[in-house]
Amino acid sequence: MEYIQVRKATIDDLSTLQQIGRETFFETFAESNTEDDMNKYLEDSFNADKVTVEVSNPDSLFYIAWEDESPVGYLKVNTGIAQTEQLDEKALEIERIYVKSSHHGKKVGQLLYEKALEVAQQYHNSYLWLGVWEKNPRAIRFYEKNGFIAFDKHIFKMGDDEQLDIMMKKVL
């Protein structure tokens, strides 16, 4: 593996976040969803206005994994009211860890997870939590390997399709 650097993203990285977000989400879920649902989700979630609001939110942080000058993955974490579920002020949500398929198995996801853990420690969070699609066994295994346990479920809206996410957490 080439050297991977994880850097905090800013509003200057808007187009990169849109591109890596769309690309990795499509690679991960296109086969399992309709084209209409995929297109609706990508447009709703990665348009410039939406990503600008997210990057500008002081309770959300983005990090991009770079291989040389190419983005190969990214991380989004949320604290406080930016969390998609209001569980606990002491929690840090990992909303997204996505890695280009070309870099699966190359520890990029692990580097991004370790950045989330570092952020949680800096913020003195008591636990990390996330939602992972019940039909994504690779991601579930990744989080279990890193000490997460299932504790609940919630609905994730994919276009017009309501899908079930397993909520997992790791006490720090």
N, C-alpha and C. Protein backbone atom coordinates (compact mmCIF):
# COMPACT_ATOMS: atom_id res chain seq x y z
N MET A 1 0.85 -1.18 0.00
CA MET A 1 0.00 0.00 0.00
C MET A 1 0.88 1.24 0.00
N GLU A 2 0.46 2.20 -0.77
CA GLU A 2 1.13 3.49 -0.76
C GLU A 2 0.86 4.17 0.57
N TYR A 3 1.53 5.23 0.81
CA TYR A 3 1.33 6.00 2.04
C TYR A 3 -0.02 6.70 1.98
N ILE A 4 -0.84 6.50 2.99
CA ILE A 4 -2.15 7.12 3.10
C ILE A 4 -2.08 8.17 4.19
N GLN A 5 -2.55 9.38 3.87
CA GLN A 5 -2.60 10.47 4.84
C GLN A 5 -4.05 10.84 5.06
N VAL A 6 -4.46 10.96 6.32
CA VAL A 6 -5.82 11.38 6.68
C VAL A 6 -5.74 12.83 7.13
N ARG A 7 -6.48 13.69 6.40
CA ARG A 7 -6.48 15.12 6.71
C ARG A 7 -7.90 15.62 6.93
N LYS A 8 -8.03 16.57 7.85
CA LYS A 8 -9.32 17.19 8.11
C LYS A 8 -9.76 17.96 6.87
N ALA A 9 -11.05 17.81 6.52
CA ALA A 9 -11.60 18.50 5.36
C ALA A 9 -12.20 19.83 5.79
N THR A 10 -12.16 20.80 4.89
CA THR A 10 -12.75 22.12 5.11
C THR A 10 -13.68 22.42 3.93
N ILE A 11 -14.27 23.58 3.97
CA ILE A 11 -15.15 24.00 2.88
C ILE A 11 -14.40 24.04 1.55
N ASP A 12 -13.08 24.22 1.59
CA ASP A 12 -12.27 24.20 0.37
C ASP A 12 -12.25 22.82 -0.29
N ASP A 13 -12.63 21.78 0.47
CA ASP A 13 -12.66 20.41 -0.03
C ASP A 13 -14.05 19.98 -0.50
N LEU A 14 -14.94 20.95 -0.66
CA LEU A 14 -16.33 20.65 -0.99
C LEU A 14 -16.47 19.73 -2.20
N SER A 15 -15.84 20.06 -3.31
CA SER A 15 -16.01 19.25 -4.51
C SER A 15 -15.39 17.86 -4.33
N THR A 16 -14.30 17.77 -3.59
CA THR A 16 -13.68 16.47 -3.32
C THR A 16 -14.61 15.62 -2.46
N LEU A 17 -15.21 16.22 -1.44
CA LEU A 17 -16.15 15.47 -0.59
C LEU A 17 -17.36 14.99 -1.39
N GLN A 18 -17.87 15.84 -2.27
CA GLN A 18 -18.99 15.43 -3.11
C GLN A 18 -18.58 14.25 -4.00
N GLN A 19 -17.43 14.36 -4.62
CA GLN A 19 -16.97 13.32 -5.55
C GLN A 19 -16.71 12.00 -4.84
N ILE A 20 -15.95 12.04 -3.74
CA ILE A 20 -15.61 10.79 -3.04
C ILE A 20 -16.86 10.21 -2.37
N GLY A 21 -17.74 11.08 -1.90
CA GLY A 21 -18.98 10.61 -1.31
C GLY A 21 -19.85 9.88 -2.30
N ARG A 22 -20.07 10.49 -3.45
CA ARG A 22 -20.90 9.86 -4.49
C ARG A 22 -20.27 8.56 -4.97
N GLU A 23 -18.98 8.62 -5.25
CA GLU A 23 -18.29 7.46 -5.82
C GLU A 23 -18.31 6.26 -4.87
N THR A 24 -17.94 6.49 -3.62
CA THR A 24 -17.86 5.36 -2.69
C THR A 24 -19.25 4.83 -2.32
N PHE A 25 -20.23 5.70 -2.19
CA PHE A 25 -21.58 5.23 -1.88
C PHE A 25 -22.13 4.42 -3.04
N PHE A 26 -21.93 4.89 -4.25
CA PHE A 26 -22.39 4.16 -5.44
C PHE A 26 -21.71 2.80 -5.52
N GLU A 27 -20.39 2.76 -5.35
CA GLU A 27 -19.67 1.48 -5.41
C GLU A 27 -20.18 0.50 -4.37
N THR A 28 -20.51 1.01 -3.19
CA THR A 28 -20.91 0.15 -2.08
C THR A 28 -22.34 -0.37 -2.23
N PHE A 29 -23.26 0.46 -2.73
CA PHE A 29 -24.67 0.10 -2.65
C PHE A 29 -25.44 0.03 -3.96
N ALA A 30 -24.85 0.37 -5.10
CA ALA A 30 -25.61 0.41 -6.36
C ALA A 30 -26.21 -0.95 -6.72
N GLU A 31 -25.47 -2.02 -6.51
CA GLU A 31 -25.97 -3.36 -6.87
C GLU A 31 -27.18 -3.77 -6.05
N SER A 32 -27.34 -3.22 -4.86
CA SER A 32 -28.40 -3.65 -3.94
C SER A 32 -29.62 -2.73 -3.95
N ASN A 33 -29.62 -1.71 -4.80
CA ASN A 33 -30.71 -0.73 -4.81
C ASN A 33 -31.12 -0.39 -6.23
N THR A 34 -32.32 0.15 -6.38
CA THR A 34 -32.78 0.53 -7.70
C THR A 34 -32.00 1.75 -8.18
N GLU A 35 -31.97 1.92 -9.47
CA GLU A 35 -31.29 3.08 -10.04
C GLU A 35 -31.96 4.38 -9.59
N ASP A 36 -33.30 4.38 -9.55
CA ASP A 36 -34.02 5.58 -9.11
C ASP A 36 -33.70 5.94 -7.66
N ASP A 37 -33.72 4.93 -6.76
CA ASP A 37 -33.40 5.20 -5.35
C ASP A 37 -31.96 5.68 -5.20
N MET A 38 -31.04 5.06 -5.95
CA MET A 38 -29.63 5.46 -5.87
C MET A 38 -29.47 6.90 -6.36
N ASN A 39 -30.05 7.22 -7.49
CA ASN A 39 -29.91 8.58 -8.03
C ASN A 39 -30.51 9.62 -7.09
N LYS A 40 -31.67 9.32 -6.51
CA LYS A 40 -32.32 10.24 -5.58
C LYS A 40 -31.43 10.45 -4.35
N TYR A 41 -30.90 9.37 -3.79
CA TYR A 41 -30.05 9.48 -2.61
C TYR A 41 -28.79 10.30 -2.92
N LEU A 42 -28.13 9.99 -4.02
CA LEU A 42 -26.89 10.70 -4.36
C LEU A 42 -27.15 12.19 -4.56
N GLU A 43 -28.25 12.53 -5.23
CA GLU A 43 -28.56 13.95 -5.45
C GLU A 43 -28.92 14.64 -4.13
N ASP A 44 -29.74 13.98 -3.31
CA ASP A 44 -30.16 14.59 -2.04
C ASP A 44 -29.01 14.73 -1.05
N SER A 45 -28.11 13.75 -1.03
CA SER A 45 -27.07 13.70 0.00
C SER A 45 -25.76 14.40 -0.38
N PHE A 46 -25.49 14.54 -1.65
CA PHE A 46 -24.18 15.05 -2.05
C PHE A 46 -24.26 16.29 -2.94
N ASN A 47 -25.39 16.99 -2.93
CA ASN A 47 -25.45 18.25 -3.69
C ASN A 47 -24.64 19.30 -2.92
N ALA A 48 -24.25 20.34 -3.63
CA ALA A 48 -23.35 21.35 -3.05
C ALA A 48 -23.96 22.02 -1.82
N ASP A 49 -25.25 22.34 -1.86
CA ASP A 49 -25.87 23.00 -0.71
C ASP A 49 -25.84 22.12 0.53
N LYS A 50 -26.20 20.86 0.37
CA LYS A 50 -26.26 19.93 1.52
C LYS A 50 -24.86 19.73 2.11
N VAL A 51 -23.88 19.47 1.27
CA VAL A 51 -22.52 19.23 1.77
C VAL A 51 -21.95 20.50 2.39
N THR A 52 -22.24 21.66 1.85
CA THR A 52 -21.78 22.92 2.43
C THR A 52 -22.33 23.09 3.85
N VAL A 53 -23.61 22.82 4.02
CA VAL A 53 -24.23 22.92 5.36
C VAL A 53 -23.55 21.94 6.31
N GLU A 54 -23.33 20.70 5.87
CA GLU A 54 -22.72 19.70 6.74
C GLU A 54 -21.29 20.08 7.13
N VAL A 55 -20.49 20.51 6.17
CA VAL A 55 -19.09 20.88 6.46
C VAL A 55 -19.03 22.11 7.35
N SER A 56 -20.00 22.99 7.22
CA SER A 56 -20.03 24.23 8.01
C SER A 56 -20.56 24.03 9.43
N ASN A 57 -21.15 22.88 9.70
CA ASN A 57 -21.71 22.61 11.01
C ASN A 57 -20.58 22.35 12.01
N PRO A 58 -20.48 23.13 13.08
CA PRO A 58 -19.38 22.93 14.04
C PRO A 58 -19.48 21.60 14.80
N ASP A 59 -20.63 20.93 14.75
CA ASP A 59 -20.78 19.64 15.43
C ASP A 59 -20.51 18.46 14.50
N SER A 60 -20.06 18.72 13.28
CA SER A 60 -19.70 17.67 12.34
C SER A 60 -18.27 17.90 11.86
N LEU A 61 -17.54 16.82 11.70
CA LEU A 61 -16.17 16.89 11.19
C LEU A 61 -16.02 15.88 10.05
N PHE A 62 -15.31 16.29 9.01
CA PHE A 62 -15.00 15.43 7.87
C PHE A 62 -13.49 15.24 7.79
N TYR A 63 -13.07 14.05 7.39
CA TYR A 63 -11.66 13.75 7.14
C TYR A 63 -11.59 12.99 5.82
N ILE A 64 -10.57 13.28 5.04
CA ILE A 64 -10.37 12.60 3.76
C ILE A 64 -9.07 11.82 3.84
N ALA A 65 -9.11 10.57 3.36
CA ALA A 65 -7.91 9.75 3.24
C ALA A 65 -7.34 9.98 1.84
N TRP A 66 -6.09 10.38 1.80
CA TRP A 66 -5.43 10.71 0.54
C TRP A 66 -4.30 9.72 0.26
N GLU A 67 -4.22 9.26 -0.97
CA GLU A 67 -3.06 8.52 -1.45
C GLU A 67 -2.42 9.44 -2.48
N ASP A 68 -1.29 9.99 -2.13
CA ASP A 68 -0.68 11.07 -2.91
C ASP A 68 -1.71 12.20 -3.02
N GLU A 69 -2.13 12.56 -4.22
CA GLU A 69 -3.11 13.64 -4.39
C GLU A 69 -4.51 13.11 -4.72
N SER A 70 -4.72 11.81 -4.53
CA SER A 70 -6.02 11.20 -4.85
C SER A 70 -6.78 10.86 -3.59
N PRO A 71 -8.05 11.28 -3.49
CA PRO A 71 -8.86 10.88 -2.34
C PRO A 71 -9.28 9.43 -2.51
N VAL A 72 -9.10 8.64 -1.44
CA VAL A 72 -9.44 7.21 -1.53
C VAL A 72 -10.48 6.79 -0.50
N GLY A 73 -10.88 7.72 0.38
CA GLY A 73 -11.92 7.42 1.36
C GLY A 73 -12.19 8.64 2.19
N TYR A 74 -13.25 8.56 3.00
CA TYR A 74 -13.55 9.69 3.88
C TYR A 74 -14.34 9.24 5.09
N LEU A 75 -14.36 10.12 6.08
CA LEU A 75 -15.00 9.91 7.36
C LEU A 75 -15.83 11.14 7.69
N LYS A 76 -17.03 10.91 8.23
CA LYS A 76 -17.82 12.00 8.80
C LYS A 76 -18.24 11.57 10.19
N VAL A 77 -17.95 12.43 11.20
CA VAL A 77 -18.38 12.17 12.58
C VAL A 77 -19.23 13.34 13.04
N ASN A 78 -20.14 13.05 13.97
CA ASN A 78 -21.06 14.05 14.50
C ASN A 78 -21.09 14.01 16.02
N THR A 79 -21.20 15.20 16.61
CA THR A 79 -21.41 15.31 18.04
C THR A 79 -22.69 16.10 18.27
N GLY A 80 -23.11 16.19 19.52
CA GLY A 80 -24.23 17.04 19.89
C GLY A 80 -25.46 16.83 19.03
N ILE A 81 -26.06 17.96 18.62
CA ILE A 81 -27.31 17.87 17.87
C ILE A 81 -27.12 17.49 16.41
N ALA A 82 -25.89 17.39 15.93
CA ALA A 82 -25.64 16.96 14.55
C ALA A 82 -25.83 15.45 14.39
N GLN A 83 -25.87 14.71 15.49
CA GLN A 83 -26.04 13.26 15.40
C GLN A 83 -27.39 12.93 14.76
N THR A 84 -27.43 11.86 13.99
CA THR A 84 -28.66 11.47 13.30
C THR A 84 -29.70 10.90 14.26
N GLU A 85 -29.28 10.46 15.42
CA GLU A 85 -30.17 10.05 16.51
C GLU A 85 -29.66 10.77 17.75
N GLN A 86 -30.55 11.35 18.51
CA GLN A 86 -30.14 12.08 19.71
C GLN A 86 -30.04 11.11 20.88
N LEU A 87 -28.91 10.44 20.98
CA LEU A 87 -28.72 9.42 22.01
C LEU A 87 -28.16 9.99 23.30
N ASP A 88 -27.10 10.79 23.18
CA ASP A 88 -26.37 11.19 24.37
C ASP A 88 -25.38 12.29 23.97
N GLU A 89 -25.30 13.32 24.79
CA GLU A 89 -24.34 14.40 24.54
C GLU A 89 -22.90 13.90 24.62
N LYS A 90 -22.68 12.81 25.31
CA LYS A 90 -21.32 12.27 25.49
C LYS A 90 -20.94 11.29 24.37
N ALA A 91 -21.81 11.14 23.36
CA ALA A 91 -21.55 10.19 22.29
C ALA A 91 -20.95 10.89 21.07
N LEU A 92 -20.20 10.14 20.29
CA LEU A 92 -19.72 10.58 18.99
C LEU A 92 -20.26 9.60 17.97
N GLU A 93 -20.99 10.11 16.99
CA GLU A 93 -21.51 9.26 15.92
C GLU A 93 -20.53 9.20 14.76
N ILE A 94 -20.26 8.00 14.30
CA ILE A 94 -19.57 7.81 13.03
C ILE A 94 -20.69 7.69 12.00
N GLU A 95 -20.95 8.77 11.28
CA GLU A 95 -22.03 8.72 10.30
C GLU A 95 -21.58 8.04 9.02
N ARG A 96 -20.32 8.27 8.63
CA ARG A 96 -19.85 7.67 7.38
C ARG A 96 -18.37 7.31 7.47
N ILE A 97 -18.06 6.10 7.10
CA ILE A 97 -16.70 5.70 6.73
C ILE A 97 -16.87 4.98 5.40
N TYR A 98 -16.35 5.58 4.36
CA TYR A 98 -16.43 4.96 3.03
C TYR A 98 -15.05 4.99 2.39
N VAL A 99 -14.73 3.89 1.70
CA VAL A 99 -13.43 3.72 1.06
C VAL A 99 -13.67 3.24 -0.37
N LYS A 100 -12.91 3.77 -1.30
CA LYS A 100 -13.01 3.32 -2.69
C LYS A 100 -12.77 1.81 -2.75
N SER A 101 -13.51 1.13 -3.61
CA SER A 101 -13.38 -0.33 -3.70
C SER A 101 -11.96 -0.74 -4.07
N SER A 102 -11.26 0.09 -4.81
CA SER A 102 -9.86 -0.21 -5.17
C SER A 102 -8.95 -0.27 -3.95
N HIS A 103 -9.41 0.27 -2.82
CA HIS A 103 -8.59 0.33 -1.62
C HIS A 103 -9.15 -0.51 -0.47
N HIS A 104 -10.17 -1.33 -0.77
CA HIS A 104 -10.65 -2.26 0.26
C HIS A 104 -9.53 -3.24 0.61
N GLY A 105 -9.44 -3.55 1.89
CA GLY A 105 -8.41 -4.49 2.34
C GLY A 105 -7.03 -3.87 2.49
N LYS A 106 -6.93 -2.56 2.34
CA LYS A 106 -5.63 -1.89 2.42
C LYS A 106 -5.52 -1.01 3.67
N LYS A 107 -6.38 -1.25 4.64
CA LYS A 107 -6.35 -0.58 5.95
C LYS A 107 -6.76 0.90 5.92
N VAL A 108 -7.33 1.37 4.82
CA VAL A 108 -7.79 2.76 4.76
C VAL A 108 -8.95 2.96 5.73
N GLY A 109 -9.90 2.02 5.73
CA GLY A 109 -11.02 2.10 6.67
C GLY A 109 -10.55 2.11 8.11
N GLN A 110 -9.53 1.32 8.40
CA GLN A 110 -8.99 1.26 9.75
C GLN A 110 -8.37 2.61 10.14
N LEU A 111 -7.65 3.24 9.22
CA LEU A 111 -7.07 4.55 9.50
C LEU A 111 -8.17 5.58 9.77
N LEU A 112 -9.25 5.53 9.00
CA LEU A 112 -10.35 6.46 9.21
C LEU A 112 -11.04 6.18 10.54
N TYR A 113 -11.23 4.90 10.87
CA TYR A 113 -11.82 4.56 12.17
C TYR A 113 -10.92 5.08 13.30
N GLU A 114 -9.62 4.89 13.18
CA GLU A 114 -8.71 5.35 14.23
C GLU A 114 -8.77 6.88 14.38
N LYS A 115 -9.02 7.60 13.29
CA LYS A 115 -9.19 9.05 13.37
C LYS A 115 -10.47 9.36 14.16
N ALA A 116 -11.54 8.62 13.93
CA ALA A 116 -12.79 8.82 14.69
C ALA A 116 -12.55 8.55 16.17
N LEU A 117 -11.81 7.52 16.49
CA LEU A 117 -11.48 7.19 17.87
C LEU A 117 -10.65 8.32 18.51
N GLU A 118 -9.71 8.84 17.78
CA GLU A 118 -8.89 9.97 18.26
C GLU A 118 -9.77 11.20 18.55
N VAL A 119 -10.71 11.50 17.65
CA VAL A 119 -11.63 12.62 17.86
C VAL A 119 -12.46 12.40 19.11
N ALA A 120 -12.98 11.18 19.27
CA ALA A 120 -13.80 10.86 20.45
C ALA A 120 -12.99 11.06 21.73
N GLN A 121 -11.74 10.69 21.72
CA GLN A 121 -10.90 10.86 22.90
C GLN A 121 -10.62 12.34 23.16
N GLN A 122 -10.41 13.13 22.10
CA GLN A 122 -10.19 14.56 22.25
C GLN A 122 -11.41 15.27 22.84
N TYR A 123 -12.59 14.81 22.45
CA TYR A 123 -13.84 15.41 22.92
C TYR A 123 -14.33 14.80 24.23
N HIS A 124 -13.57 13.83 24.75
CA HIS A 124 -13.93 13.14 25.99
C HIS A 124 -15.30 12.47 25.90
N ASN A 125 -15.57 11.87 24.72
CA ASN A 125 -16.82 11.14 24.55
C ASN A 125 -16.77 9.84 25.32
N SER A 126 -17.94 9.38 25.78
CA SER A 126 -17.98 8.13 26.54
C SER A 126 -18.16 6.92 25.63
N TYR A 127 -18.69 7.14 24.43
CA TYR A 127 -18.78 6.03 23.48
C TYR A 127 -18.93 6.53 22.05
N LEU A 128 -18.61 5.64 21.12
CA LEU A 128 -18.82 5.84 19.69
C LEU A 128 -20.05 5.03 19.29
N TRP A 129 -20.80 5.50 18.33
CA TRP A 129 -21.91 4.72 17.81
C TRP A 129 -22.07 4.98 16.31
N LEU A 130 -22.81 4.11 15.66
CA LEU A 130 -23.05 4.22 14.23
C LEU A 130 -24.23 3.34 13.84
N GLY A 131 -24.72 3.58 12.64
CA GLY A 131 -25.71 2.70 12.03
C GLY A 131 -25.08 2.05 10.82
N VAL A 132 -25.28 0.74 10.66
CA VAL A 132 -24.73 0.00 9.53
C VAL A 132 -25.84 -0.86 8.93
N TRP A 133 -25.96 -0.84 7.63
CA TRP A 133 -27.01 -1.58 6.94
C TRP A 133 -26.94 -3.05 7.29
N GLU A 134 -28.06 -3.63 7.64
CA GLU A 134 -28.11 -5.03 8.04
C GLU A 134 -27.62 -5.97 6.94
N LYS A 135 -27.64 -5.52 5.69
CA LYS A 135 -27.21 -6.35 4.56
C LYS A 135 -25.79 -6.01 4.10
N ASN A 136 -24.98 -5.48 5.00
CA ASN A 136 -23.60 -5.15 4.69
C ASN A 136 -22.68 -5.91 5.66
N PRO A 137 -22.55 -7.23 5.46
CA PRO A 137 -21.77 -8.04 6.41
C PRO A 137 -20.31 -7.64 6.52
N ARG A 138 -19.73 -7.14 5.44
CA ARG A 138 -18.32 -6.71 5.49
C ARG A 138 -18.14 -5.59 6.51
N ALA A 139 -19.04 -4.60 6.47
CA ALA A 139 -18.95 -3.47 7.40
C ALA A 139 -19.25 -3.93 8.83
N ILE A 140 -20.24 -4.79 8.98
CA ILE A 140 -20.58 -5.29 10.32
C ILE A 140 -19.38 -5.99 10.94
N ARG A 141 -18.72 -6.86 10.16
CA ARG A 141 -17.52 -7.56 10.66
C ARG A 141 -16.42 -6.57 11.03
N PHE A 142 -16.23 -5.52 10.21
CA PHE A 142 -15.21 -4.51 10.49
C PHE A 142 -15.47 -3.86 11.84
N TYR A 143 -16.71 -3.46 12.09
CA TYR A 143 -17.01 -2.79 13.36
C TYR A 143 -16.94 -3.76 14.53
N GLU A 144 -17.38 -4.99 14.36
CA GLU A 144 -17.26 -5.98 15.44
C GLU A 144 -15.79 -6.23 15.78
N LYS A 145 -14.96 -6.30 14.75
CA LYS A 145 -13.51 -6.49 14.96
C LYS A 145 -12.93 -5.35 15.79
N ASN A 146 -13.53 -4.16 15.66
CA ASN A 146 -13.05 -2.99 16.39
C ASN A 146 -13.80 -2.77 17.70
N GLY A 147 -14.52 -3.78 18.16
CA GLY A 147 -15.11 -3.73 19.50
C GLY A 147 -16.52 -3.19 19.59
N PHE A 148 -17.20 -2.98 18.48
CA PHE A 148 -18.57 -2.49 18.50
C PHE A 148 -19.54 -3.64 18.74
N ILE A 149 -20.64 -3.34 19.45
CA ILE A 149 -21.70 -4.32 19.66
C ILE A 149 -23.04 -3.70 19.24
N ALA A 150 -23.92 -4.54 18.75
CA ALA A 150 -25.25 -4.08 18.34
C ALA A 150 -26.06 -3.75 19.59
N PHE A 151 -26.84 -2.64 19.51
CA PHE A 151 -27.67 -2.28 20.66
C PHE A 151 -29.09 -1.86 20.27
N ASP A 152 -29.35 -1.64 18.99
CA ASP A 152 -30.69 -1.22 18.57
C ASP A 152 -30.73 -1.27 17.04
N LYS A 153 -31.84 -0.78 16.48
CA LYS A 153 -32.00 -0.69 15.03
C LYS A 153 -32.72 0.62 14.72
N HIS A 154 -32.49 1.15 13.50
CA HIS A 154 -33.25 2.30 13.04
C HIS A 154 -33.41 2.22 11.53
N ILE A 155 -34.31 3.06 11.02
CA ILE A 155 -34.59 3.10 9.59
C ILE A 155 -33.66 4.08 8.91
N PHE A 156 -33.13 3.65 7.77
CA PHE A 156 -32.31 4.48 6.90
C PHE A 156 -33.09 4.62 5.59
N LYS A 157 -33.32 5.85 5.18
CA LYS A 157 -34.10 6.10 3.96
C LYS A 157 -33.16 6.16 2.77
N MET A 158 -33.33 5.21 1.85
CA MET A 158 -32.52 5.13 0.63
C MET A 158 -33.44 5.44 -0.54
N GLY A 159 -33.46 6.70 -0.95
CA GLY A 159 -34.45 7.10 -1.96
C GLY A 159 -35.83 6.97 -1.35
N ASP A 160 -36.66 6.13 -1.97
CA ASP A 160 -38.00 5.88 -1.44
C ASP A 160 -38.06 4.60 -0.62
N ASP A 161 -36.94 3.91 -0.49
CA ASP A 161 -36.88 2.62 0.20
C ASP A 161 -36.44 2.81 1.65
N GLU A 162 -37.21 2.26 2.58
CA GLU A 162 -36.81 2.28 3.99
C GLU A 162 -36.04 1.00 4.29
N GLN A 163 -34.80 1.15 4.73
CA GLN A 163 -33.93 0.02 5.01
C GLN A 163 -33.58 0.00 6.49
N LEU A 164 -33.22 -1.17 6.99
CA LEU A 164 -32.94 -1.34 8.41
C LEU A 164 -31.44 -1.27 8.68
N ASP A 165 -31.06 -0.35 9.54
CA ASP A 165 -29.68 -0.24 10.00
C ASP A 165 -29.58 -0.84 11.39
N ILE A 166 -28.50 -1.57 11.61
CA ILE A 166 -28.16 -2.04 12.95
C ILE A 166 -27.36 -0.92 13.61
N MET A 167 -27.79 -0.52 14.77
CA MET A 167 -27.05 0.50 15.52
C MET A 167 -26.04 -0.23 16.41
N MET A 168 -24.80 0.21 16.33
CA MET A 168 -23.72 -0.42 17.08
C MET A 168 -22.99 0.64 17.89
N LYS A 169 -22.43 0.23 19.02
CA LYS A 169 -21.65 1.19 19.80
C LYS A 169 -20.44 0.52 20.42
N LYS A 170 -19.50 1.39 20.76
CA LYS A 170 -18.29 0.97 21.46
C LYS A 170 -18.08 1.92 22.62
N VAL A 171 -18.10 1.38 23.82
CA VAL A 171 -17.85 2.18 25.02
C VAL A 171 -16.36 2.44 25.10
N LEU A 172 -16.01 3.69 25.41
CA LEU A 172 -14.59 4.07 25.48
C LEU A 172 -14.07 4.00 26.91
